[in-house]
Protein backbone atom coordinates (compact mmCIF):
# COMPACT_ATOMS: atom_id res chain seq x y z
CA UNK A 1 -18.30 57.40 -39.75
CA UNK A 2 -21.88 58.48 -39.10
CA UNK A 3 -23.18 55.84 -41.46
CA UNK A 4 -21.20 53.16 -39.66
CA UNK A 5 -22.43 54.36 -36.27
CA UNK A 6 -26.02 54.51 -37.37
CA UNK A 7 -25.81 51.25 -39.23
CA UNK A 8 -24.20 48.50 -37.13
CA UNK A 9 -25.37 46.06 -39.77
CA UNK A 10 -22.53 47.34 -41.88
CA UNK A 11 -20.04 45.73 -39.55
CA UNK A 12 -21.48 42.23 -39.72
CA UNK A 13 -19.56 41.01 -42.74
CA UNK A 14 -16.25 42.01 -41.09
CA UNK A 15 -17.13 40.26 -37.82
CA UNK A 16 -18.37 37.23 -39.70
CA UNK A 17 -15.07 36.99 -41.55
CA UNK A 18 -13.11 37.32 -38.31
CA UNK A 19 -15.28 34.68 -36.65
CA UNK A 20 -14.75 32.30 -39.56
CA UNK A 21 -10.97 32.80 -39.48
CA UNK A 22 -10.84 32.39 -35.68
CA UNK A 23 -13.02 29.27 -35.76
CA UNK A 24 -10.88 27.76 -38.47
CA UNK A 25 -7.69 28.48 -36.54
CA UNK A 26 -9.09 27.06 -33.33
CA UNK A 27 -10.33 23.92 -35.07
CA UNK A 28 -6.95 23.46 -36.73
CA UNK A 29 -5.17 23.88 -33.38
CA UNK A 30 -7.54 21.44 -31.67
CA UNK A 31 -6.97 18.92 -34.46
CA UNK A 32 -3.21 19.21 -34.05
CA UNK A 33 -3.48 18.78 -30.28
CA UNK A 34 -5.75 15.77 -30.64
CA UNK A 35 -3.42 14.30 -33.27
CA UNK A 36 -0.42 14.76 -30.98
CA UNK A 37 -2.35 13.28 -28.04
CA UNK A 38 -3.42 10.29 -30.12
CA UNK A 39 0.11 9.73 -31.40
CA UNK A 40 1.50 9.92 -27.87
CA UNK A 41 -1.06 7.46 -26.48
CA UNK A 42 -0.44 5.09 -29.39
CA UNK A 43 3.29 5.33 -28.65
CA UNK A 44 2.70 4.38 -25.01
CA UNK A 45 0.41 1.51 -26.02
CA UNK A 46 3.10 0.14 -28.32
CA UNK A 47 5.75 0.48 -25.59
CA UNK A 48 3.51 -1.33 -23.07
CA UNK A 49 2.82 -4.11 -25.57
CA UNK A 50 6.54 -4.50 -26.11
CA UNK A 51 7.03 -4.92 -22.35
CA UNK A 52 4.48 -7.74 -22.39
CA UNK A 53 6.18 -9.43 -25.35
CA UNK A 54 9.61 -9.31 -23.70
CA UNK A 55 8.31 -10.39 -20.28
CA UNK A 56 9.16 -7.05 -18.64
CA UNK A 57 5.55 -5.99 -17.93
CA UNK A 58 4.85 -5.72 -14.22
CA UNK A 59 1.30 -6.64 -13.25
CA UNK A 60 -0.19 -6.21 -9.78
CA UNK A 61 -1.99 -8.86 -7.77
CA UNK A 62 -4.58 -7.63 -5.27
CA UNK A 63 -4.26 -9.14 -1.77
CA UNK A 64 -7.53 -9.58 0.11
CA UNK A 65 -6.09 -10.10 3.58
CA UNK A 66 -3.64 -8.51 6.03
CA UNK A 67 0.04 -8.73 5.15
CA UNK A 68 1.44 -11.81 6.90
CA UNK A 69 3.01 -15.20 6.17
CA UNK A 70 -0.18 -16.60 4.59
CA UNK A 71 -2.19 -14.16 2.48
CA UNK A 72 -5.29 -14.36 0.29
CA UNK A 73 -4.97 -13.71 -3.46
CA UNK A 74 -8.01 -14.21 -5.72
CA UNK A 75 -9.65 -16.24 -2.98
CA UNK A 76 -6.64 -18.57 -2.72
CA UNK A 77 -4.48 -18.82 0.37
CA UNK A 78 -0.80 -18.61 -0.52
CA UNK A 79 2.44 -18.27 1.42
CA UNK A 80 4.08 -14.91 0.87
CA UNK A 81 7.79 -15.00 0.08
CA UNK A 82 8.32 -11.52 -1.32
CA UNK A 83 7.31 -9.03 1.39
CA UNK A 84 9.68 -6.74 3.29
CA UNK A 85 7.88 -7.94 6.42
CA UNK A 86 11.13 -9.28 7.87
CA UNK A 87 10.08 -9.43 11.52
CA UNK A 88 6.46 -10.38 10.79
CA UNK A 89 5.10 -7.23 12.44
CA UNK A 90 2.77 -6.04 9.67
CA UNK A 91 -0.25 -7.62 11.38
CA UNK A 92 1.09 -7.62 14.96
CA UNK A 93 -1.79 -7.31 17.44
CA UNK A 94 0.03 -4.91 19.78
CA UNK A 95 0.73 -2.55 16.86
CA UNK A 96 -2.90 -2.68 15.79
CA UNK A 97 -4.01 -1.79 19.33
CA UNK A 98 -1.48 1.05 19.53
CA UNK A 99 -2.81 2.34 16.21
CA UNK A 100 -6.42 2.29 17.38
CA UNK A 101 -5.49 4.13 20.56
CA UNK A 102 -3.53 6.72 18.56
CA UNK A 103 -6.52 7.44 16.31
CA UNK A 104 -8.55 8.41 19.37
CA UNK A 105 -5.74 10.41 20.95
CA UNK A 106 -4.13 12.15 17.95
CA UNK A 107 -6.74 11.91 15.18
CA UNK A 108 -6.35 10.70 11.61
CA UNK A 109 -4.18 13.22 9.78
CA UNK A 110 -2.40 16.52 10.28
CA UNK A 111 -3.39 18.40 7.10
CA UNK A 112 -0.16 20.37 7.42
CA UNK A 113 3.58 20.27 7.09
CA UNK A 114 5.74 20.06 10.19
CA UNK A 115 6.81 23.69 10.60
CA UNK A 116 3.30 25.15 10.24
CA UNK A 117 1.01 23.12 12.49
CA UNK A 118 1.98 19.53 11.70
CA UNK A 119 4.14 18.54 14.66
CA UNK A 120 2.53 16.57 17.48
CA UNK A 121 4.20 15.19 20.57
CA UNK A 122 4.06 11.70 19.04
CA UNK A 123 6.29 12.83 16.15
CA UNK A 124 8.93 14.15 18.52
CA UNK A 125 8.66 10.97 20.60
CA UNK A 126 9.28 8.83 17.52
CA UNK A 127 12.25 10.91 16.39
CA UNK A 128 13.80 10.58 19.84
CA UNK A 129 13.12 6.82 19.88
CA UNK A 130 14.82 6.33 16.51
CA UNK A 131 17.84 8.35 17.64
CA UNK A 132 18.08 6.31 20.82
CA UNK A 133 17.74 3.03 18.93
CA UNK A 134 20.35 3.94 16.28
CA UNK A 135 22.58 5.70 18.83
CA UNK A 136 22.60 8.95 16.87
CA UNK A 137 22.18 12.57 18.01
CA UNK A 138 18.96 13.47 16.20
CA UNK A 139 16.39 12.26 13.65
CA UNK A 140 14.02 13.88 11.16
CA UNK A 141 10.90 12.12 9.81
CA UNK A 142 9.80 12.04 6.17
CA UNK A 143 6.80 10.63 4.31
CA UNK A 144 9.07 7.89 2.92
CA UNK A 145 12.74 6.96 2.71
CA UNK A 146 12.52 7.94 -0.97
CA UNK A 147 11.75 11.46 0.25
CA UNK A 148 14.51 11.27 2.86
CA UNK A 149 17.06 10.45 0.16
CA UNK A 150 15.50 12.90 -2.29
CA UNK A 151 15.82 15.74 0.20
CA UNK A 152 19.29 14.94 1.51
CA UNK A 153 22.01 15.66 -1.03
CA UNK A 154 20.94 18.97 -2.55
CA UNK A 155 20.27 20.32 0.93
CA UNK A 156 23.73 19.53 2.30
CA UNK A 157 26.08 19.81 -0.70
CA UNK A 158 26.86 22.28 -3.48
CA UNK A 159 28.76 22.38 -6.74
CA UNK A 160 32.11 22.64 -4.93
CA UNK A 161 31.46 19.30 -3.18
CA UNK A 162 31.54 15.65 -4.31
CA UNK A 163 29.35 12.58 -3.87
CA UNK A 164 30.88 9.13 -4.34
CA UNK A 165 28.05 6.65 -4.84
CA UNK A 166 27.91 2.86 -5.12
CA UNK A 167 26.84 1.69 -8.60
CA UNK A 168 24.01 -0.46 -7.21
CA UNK A 169 22.51 2.12 -4.87
CA UNK A 170 18.73 2.35 -4.61
CA UNK A 171 16.83 4.47 -7.13
CA UNK A 172 15.98 7.00 -4.42
CA UNK A 173 19.68 7.68 -3.79
CA UNK A 174 20.33 7.99 -7.52
CA UNK A 175 17.43 10.42 -7.95
CA UNK A 176 18.47 12.39 -4.87
CA UNK A 177 21.99 12.78 -6.23
CA UNK A 178 20.62 13.94 -9.60
CA UNK A 179 18.95 16.86 -7.83
CA UNK A 180 22.26 17.96 -6.34
CA UNK A 181 24.85 20.14 -8.09
CA UNK A 182 27.79 18.37 -6.45
CA UNK A 183 30.33 16.51 -8.56
CA UNK A 184 29.31 12.88 -9.02
CA UNK A 185 31.54 9.83 -8.85
CA UNK A 186 30.30 6.23 -9.09
CA UNK A 187 32.29 3.24 -7.88
CA UNK A 188 31.72 -0.43 -8.74
CA UNK A 189 29.47 -2.27 -6.32
CA UNK A 190 31.21 -2.89 -2.99
CA UNK A 191 34.58 -2.48 -4.74
CA UNK A 192 36.91 -0.81 -2.25
CA UNK A 193 39.75 -0.40 -4.72
CA UNK A 194 37.48 1.50 -7.10
CA UNK A 195 36.06 3.54 -4.23
CA UNK A 196 39.59 4.61 -3.26
CA UNK A 197 40.32 5.67 -6.85
CA UNK A 198 37.17 7.78 -6.89
CA UNK A 199 38.06 9.35 -3.54
CA UNK A 200 41.45 10.31 -4.95
CA UNK A 201 39.73 11.87 -7.97
CA UNK A 202 37.50 13.89 -5.65
CA UNK A 203 40.33 15.26 -3.49
CA UNK A 204 39.88 18.84 -4.70
CA UNK A 205 36.27 19.00 -3.52
CA UNK A 206 35.37 21.05 -0.46
CA UNK A 207 33.37 18.23 1.17
CA UNK A 208 33.17 14.55 0.12
CA UNK A 209 30.28 12.20 0.92
CA UNK A 210 30.36 8.46 0.31
CA UNK A 211 26.83 7.11 -0.27
CA UNK A 212 25.87 3.45 -0.09
CA UNK A 213 23.02 1.10 0.64
CA UNK A 214 23.60 -0.87 3.82
CA UNK A 215 22.08 -3.89 2.07
CA UNK A 216 21.72 -3.98 -1.71
CA UNK A 217 18.10 -4.99 -1.98
CA UNK A 218 18.16 -6.95 -5.24
CA UNK A 219 21.01 -9.21 -4.09
CA UNK A 220 20.94 -9.19 -0.29
CA UNK A 221 24.64 -8.27 -0.31
CA UNK A 222 25.82 -6.32 2.74
CA UNK A 223 27.98 -3.25 2.16
CA UNK A 224 31.55 -3.43 3.41
CA UNK A 225 31.02 -0.55 5.83
CA UNK A 226 34.14 -1.26 7.83
CA UNK A 227 36.39 -0.71 4.81
CA UNK A 228 34.25 2.19 3.58
CA UNK A 229 34.65 3.98 6.92
CA UNK A 230 38.40 3.34 6.90
CA UNK A 231 38.67 4.93 3.44
CA UNK A 232 36.45 7.80 4.54
CA UNK A 233 38.83 8.55 7.40
CA UNK A 234 41.87 8.27 5.12
CA UNK A 235 40.45 10.70 2.54
CA UNK A 236 38.53 13.00 4.89
CA UNK A 237 35.06 12.01 3.65
CA UNK A 238 31.69 11.53 5.32
CA UNK A 239 29.63 8.33 5.07
CA UNK A 240 25.90 8.09 4.34
CA UNK A 241 24.07 4.74 4.54
CA UNK A 242 20.53 3.90 3.43
CA UNK A 243 19.78 1.07 5.84
CA UNK A 244 16.19 0.34 4.86
CA UNK A 245 16.75 -3.41 4.46
CA UNK A 246 18.65 -3.86 7.72
CA UNK A 247 17.34 -1.74 10.60
CA UNK A 248 15.43 -3.89 13.06
CA UNK A 249 17.18 -7.20 12.45
CA UNK A 250 20.80 -6.85 11.31
CA UNK A 251 23.37 -6.49 14.07
CA UNK A 252 23.24 -7.86 17.60
CA UNK A 253 20.51 -5.44 18.69
CA UNK A 254 18.97 -4.85 15.27
CA UNK A 255 20.58 -1.44 14.76
CA UNK A 256 21.42 -2.31 11.16
CA UNK A 257 24.55 -2.65 9.08
CA UNK A 258 26.59 -0.06 11.04
CA UNK A 259 26.17 -2.25 14.12
CA UNK A 260 26.66 -5.45 12.10
CA UNK A 261 29.94 -4.08 10.68
CA UNK A 262 31.10 -2.55 13.96
CA UNK A 263 31.04 1.09 12.76
CA UNK A 264 28.10 2.59 14.67
CA UNK A 265 30.20 5.58 15.68
CA UNK A 266 31.74 6.13 12.22
CA UNK A 267 28.69 6.56 9.99
CA UNK A 268 27.64 10.20 9.67
CA UNK A 269 24.17 9.89 8.14
CA UNK A 270 21.66 7.03 8.20
CA UNK A 271 18.46 7.04 6.18
CA UNK A 272 15.82 4.38 6.53
CA UNK A 273 12.19 3.40 6.35
CA UNK A 274 9.36 2.47 8.69
CA UNK A 275 7.85 0.49 5.81
CA UNK A 276 9.84 -2.72 6.05
CA UNK A 277 10.95 -4.50 9.23
CA UNK A 278 9.59 -1.74 11.49
CA UNK A 279 5.93 -2.60 10.98
CA UNK A 280 5.73 -2.27 7.20
CA UNK A 281 3.44 0.77 7.00
CA UNK A 282 5.12 3.84 5.49
CA UNK A 283 7.35 6.73 6.42
CA UNK A 284 11.08 7.32 6.47
CA UNK A 285 13.76 9.16 8.38
CA UNK A 286 17.25 10.61 8.32
CA UNK A 287 19.33 10.22 11.46
CA UNK A 288 22.76 11.55 12.38
CA UNK A 289 24.62 14.52 13.83
CA UNK A 290 22.35 17.20 15.28
CA UNK A 291 23.74 19.94 13.01
CA UNK A 292 22.92 17.91 9.90
CA UNK A 293 19.39 17.15 11.06
CA UNK A 294 18.72 20.76 12.06
CA UNK A 295 19.82 22.02 8.64
CA UNK A 296 17.55 19.47 6.96
CA UNK A 297 14.63 20.82 8.98
CA UNK A 298 15.40 24.29 7.61
CA UNK A 299 16.07 23.48 3.96
CA UNK A 300 15.06 19.93 2.93
CA UNK A 301 12.29 20.38 0.37
CA UNK A 302 10.38 17.06 0.83
CA UNK A 303 10.24 17.83 4.57
CA UNK A 304 9.16 21.44 4.17
CA UNK A 305 6.59 20.84 1.44
CA UNK A 306 5.07 17.43 2.26
CA UNK A 307 2.39 16.56 4.78
CA UNK A 308 3.45 15.28 8.16
CA UNK A 309 3.67 11.53 8.68
CA UNK A 310 0.25 10.32 9.86
CA UNK A 311 0.16 10.25 13.69
CA UNK A 312 -1.23 6.71 13.71
CA UNK A 313 1.92 5.48 11.92
CA UNK A 314 4.16 7.44 14.27
CA UNK A 315 2.46 5.92 17.34
CA UNK A 316 2.65 2.36 15.98
CA UNK A 317 6.33 2.89 15.11
CA UNK A 318 7.05 3.93 18.71
CA UNK A 319 5.45 0.64 19.77
CA UNK A 320 7.70 -1.24 17.31
CA UNK A 321 10.87 0.31 18.73
CA UNK A 322 9.77 -0.49 22.28
CA UNK A 323 9.14 -4.07 21.20
CA UNK A 324 12.55 -4.39 19.53
CA UNK A 325 14.30 -2.95 22.57
CA UNK A 326 12.93 -5.84 24.62
CA UNK A 327 15.35 -8.77 24.75
CA UNK A 328 12.44 -11.19 25.00
CA UNK A 329 10.60 -10.08 21.88
CA UNK A 330 13.29 -8.35 19.82
CA UNK A 331 15.96 -11.03 20.18
CA UNK A 332 13.44 -13.81 19.64
CA UNK A 333 12.18 -12.34 16.38
CA UNK A 334 15.69 -11.65 15.07
CA UNK A 335 16.91 -15.15 15.93
CA UNK A 336 13.92 -16.80 14.27
CA UNK A 337 14.33 -14.68 11.12
CA UNK A 338 17.99 -15.60 10.67
CA UNK A 339 17.35 -19.28 11.45
CA UNK A 340 14.60 -19.32 8.82
CA UNK A 341 16.89 -17.69 6.27
CA UNK A 342 19.64 -20.25 6.87
CA UNK A 343 17.17 -23.14 6.58
CA UNK A 344 15.68 -21.91 3.31
CA UNK A 345 19.06 -21.08 1.79
CA UNK A 346 20.44 -24.53 2.64
CA UNK A 347 17.37 -26.29 1.22
CA UNK A 348 17.39 -24.35 -2.04
CA UNK A 349 21.13 -24.82 -2.49
CA UNK A 350 20.82 -28.55 -1.94
CA UNK A 351 18.06 -28.64 -4.57
CA UNK A 352 20.46 -27.19 -7.15
CA UNK A 353 19.23 -23.62 -7.53
CA UNK A 354 21.65 -20.78 -8.20
CA UNK A 355 21.42 -18.31 -5.32
CA UNK A 356 23.25 -15.08 -4.61
CA UNK A 357 25.53 -16.07 -1.69
CA UNK A 358 25.07 -14.33 1.63
CA UNK A 359 23.42 -14.39 5.01
CA UNK A 360 20.69 -11.80 4.61
CA UNK A 361 17.01 -12.90 4.47
CA UNK A 362 16.87 -11.57 0.90
CA UNK A 363 17.64 -14.73 -1.10
CA UNK A 364 17.55 -14.23 -4.90
CA UNK A 365 16.98 -17.28 -7.10
CA UNK A 366 18.89 -16.41 -10.29
CA UNK A 367 17.26 -17.27 -13.62
CA UNK A 368 18.66 -14.76 -16.14
CA UNK A 369 15.71 -14.65 -18.53
CA UNK A 370 12.83 -12.23 -17.79
CA UNK A 371 10.15 -14.40 -19.40
CA UNK A 372 11.36 -17.43 -17.47
CA UNK A 373 11.23 -15.51 -14.19
CA UNK A 374 7.66 -14.40 -14.84
CA UNK A 375 6.58 -17.88 -15.94
CA UNK A 376 8.13 -19.47 -12.88
CA UNK A 377 6.43 -16.99 -10.55
CA UNK A 378 3.05 -17.73 -12.16
CA UNK A 379 3.50 -21.49 -11.79
CA UNK A 380 4.64 -21.13 -8.18
CA UNK A 381 1.48 -19.15 -7.40
CA UNK A 382 -0.55 -22.16 -8.58
CA UNK A 383 1.45 -24.20 -6.06
CA UNK A 384 0.48 -21.79 -3.28
CA UNK A 385 3.73 -19.80 -3.21
CA UNK A 386 3.55 -16.04 -3.78
CA UNK A 387 6.72 -14.69 -5.40
CA UNK A 388 7.43 -12.14 -8.11
CA UNK A 389 9.79 -12.27 -11.08
CA UNK A 390 12.23 -9.33 -11.07
CA UNK A 391 13.53 -8.06 -14.39
CA UNK A 392 14.83 -4.91 -16.07
CA UNK A 393 14.81 -2.03 -15.13
CA UNK A 394 14.59 -3.20 -11.50
CA UNK A 395 17.65 -5.40 -12.10
CA UNK A 396 20.19 -5.29 -14.97
CA UNK A 397 19.40 -6.90 -18.33
CA UNK A 398 20.11 -10.62 -18.23
CA UNK A 399 19.96 -10.75 -14.43
CA UNK A 400 16.28 -11.66 -14.02
CA UNK A 401 15.46 -13.51 -10.84
CA UNK A 402 12.90 -14.42 -8.26
CA UNK A 403 13.82 -12.53 -5.13
CA UNK A 404 12.59 -14.50 -2.13
CA UNK A 405 12.41 -12.76 1.23
CA UNK A 406 12.23 -14.69 4.45
CA UNK A 407 10.26 -13.53 7.49
CA UNK A 408 10.13 -14.33 11.19
CA UNK A 409 6.45 -15.00 10.50
CA UNK A 410 7.35 -18.09 8.45
CA UNK A 411 7.24 -21.49 10.09
CA UNK A 412 9.33 -24.48 9.01
CA UNK A 413 6.26 -25.99 7.32
CA UNK A 414 6.00 -22.84 5.16
CA UNK A 415 9.66 -23.10 4.18
CA UNK A 416 9.40 -26.81 3.36
CA UNK A 417 6.34 -26.22 1.17
CA UNK A 418 8.13 -23.45 -0.69
CA UNK A 419 11.27 -25.53 -1.29
CA UNK A 420 9.15 -28.43 -2.57
CA UNK A 421 7.22 -26.10 -4.91
CA UNK A 422 10.43 -24.56 -6.25
CA UNK A 423 11.81 -28.03 -6.95
CA UNK A 424 8.64 -29.12 -8.77
CA UNK A 425 8.40 -26.00 -10.92
CA UNK A 426 12.17 -25.79 -11.39
CA UNK A 427 12.26 -29.29 -12.87
CA UNK A 428 9.23 -28.57 -15.05
CA UNK A 429 10.94 -25.50 -16.51
CA UNK A 430 14.34 -27.25 -16.63
CA UNK A 431 15.90 -24.71 -14.26
CA UNK A 432 17.33 -27.59 -12.20
């Protein structure tokens, strides 16, 4: 003991051995981690390459101008036929002025969630405006409609409840339902007979909620809300509608598919976005009975744990709703949008293209093959028409398409040029 104390040199061989063992173990562990990391990255590279081979790879084109009917891509001016800018408000001068004013009045961001110090008067004003516009009791804002749907189902329903969801509902609804412990039933798209069968199967649940898109965004098909609400009444169920692709322009006053289908007073919950027809920025909301909205404020996780919607977006959205409430501006924009959609649909049908039937400004040109859809989109860009090929997993396998979207910002000359370009490229690729 004394010799060891007086001679620390005697310990060196032991420490050296331990250091060697530790270093070897660490190096081995690092090698295994690096090997796993390399294998994983190689796996992803192979998967990405496979997407390119099959035509499923989704590239991004950078736009160098404001979002409007004619945009700049790689220095080339092209007509945009794939934006959700239904009413053409994305570059509206009155919205830009309202935004600039809001920056001076409310600042840039809140750096907080709503219940701490993230609620300004402009947020409450917007929530009240949305409720007034949709004719609901109350509204809660979210960072996006994806968050609104993600924070809805698990907040309201438990394992003793049931959700009956349309098979073609948006990914945000699907993901929101996955977070919930309620029983899940899925009915065939817009199939009322199948919906009734699923409602019968869910009869033992405490509460039942039917969930549907108001407009199915890949097809432009409008949900049969009248029949859905009738079945909901018959089987004591509630109805939830994601109306992102309808609010602002569907229905006589633009209140969306509930107004269009004559069931404004029968839909219990409406979710939607500020990022499409209502200016095209970002942000979402849930609107409905005051008890539902109040509970969401207390328990909805995306609301409680996400930053407040930027005040500049809230202020511009108030301006949008004021604009749409005006018969002069709101009615004019809606009428022009629907007239443009009819004109384009008639021209493309006459040219021989296969379209999904309907009356919504989403007009899919069906092609089937993913590679063909991508090739056609690339050739149309050379003709000055900006469109995107849609393929799996955005749409089912074998259902590839070019989804065109018409805007009130389009003029007849834009529509004519697009139809002519589709005909030219369609003949070149033997689509027509």
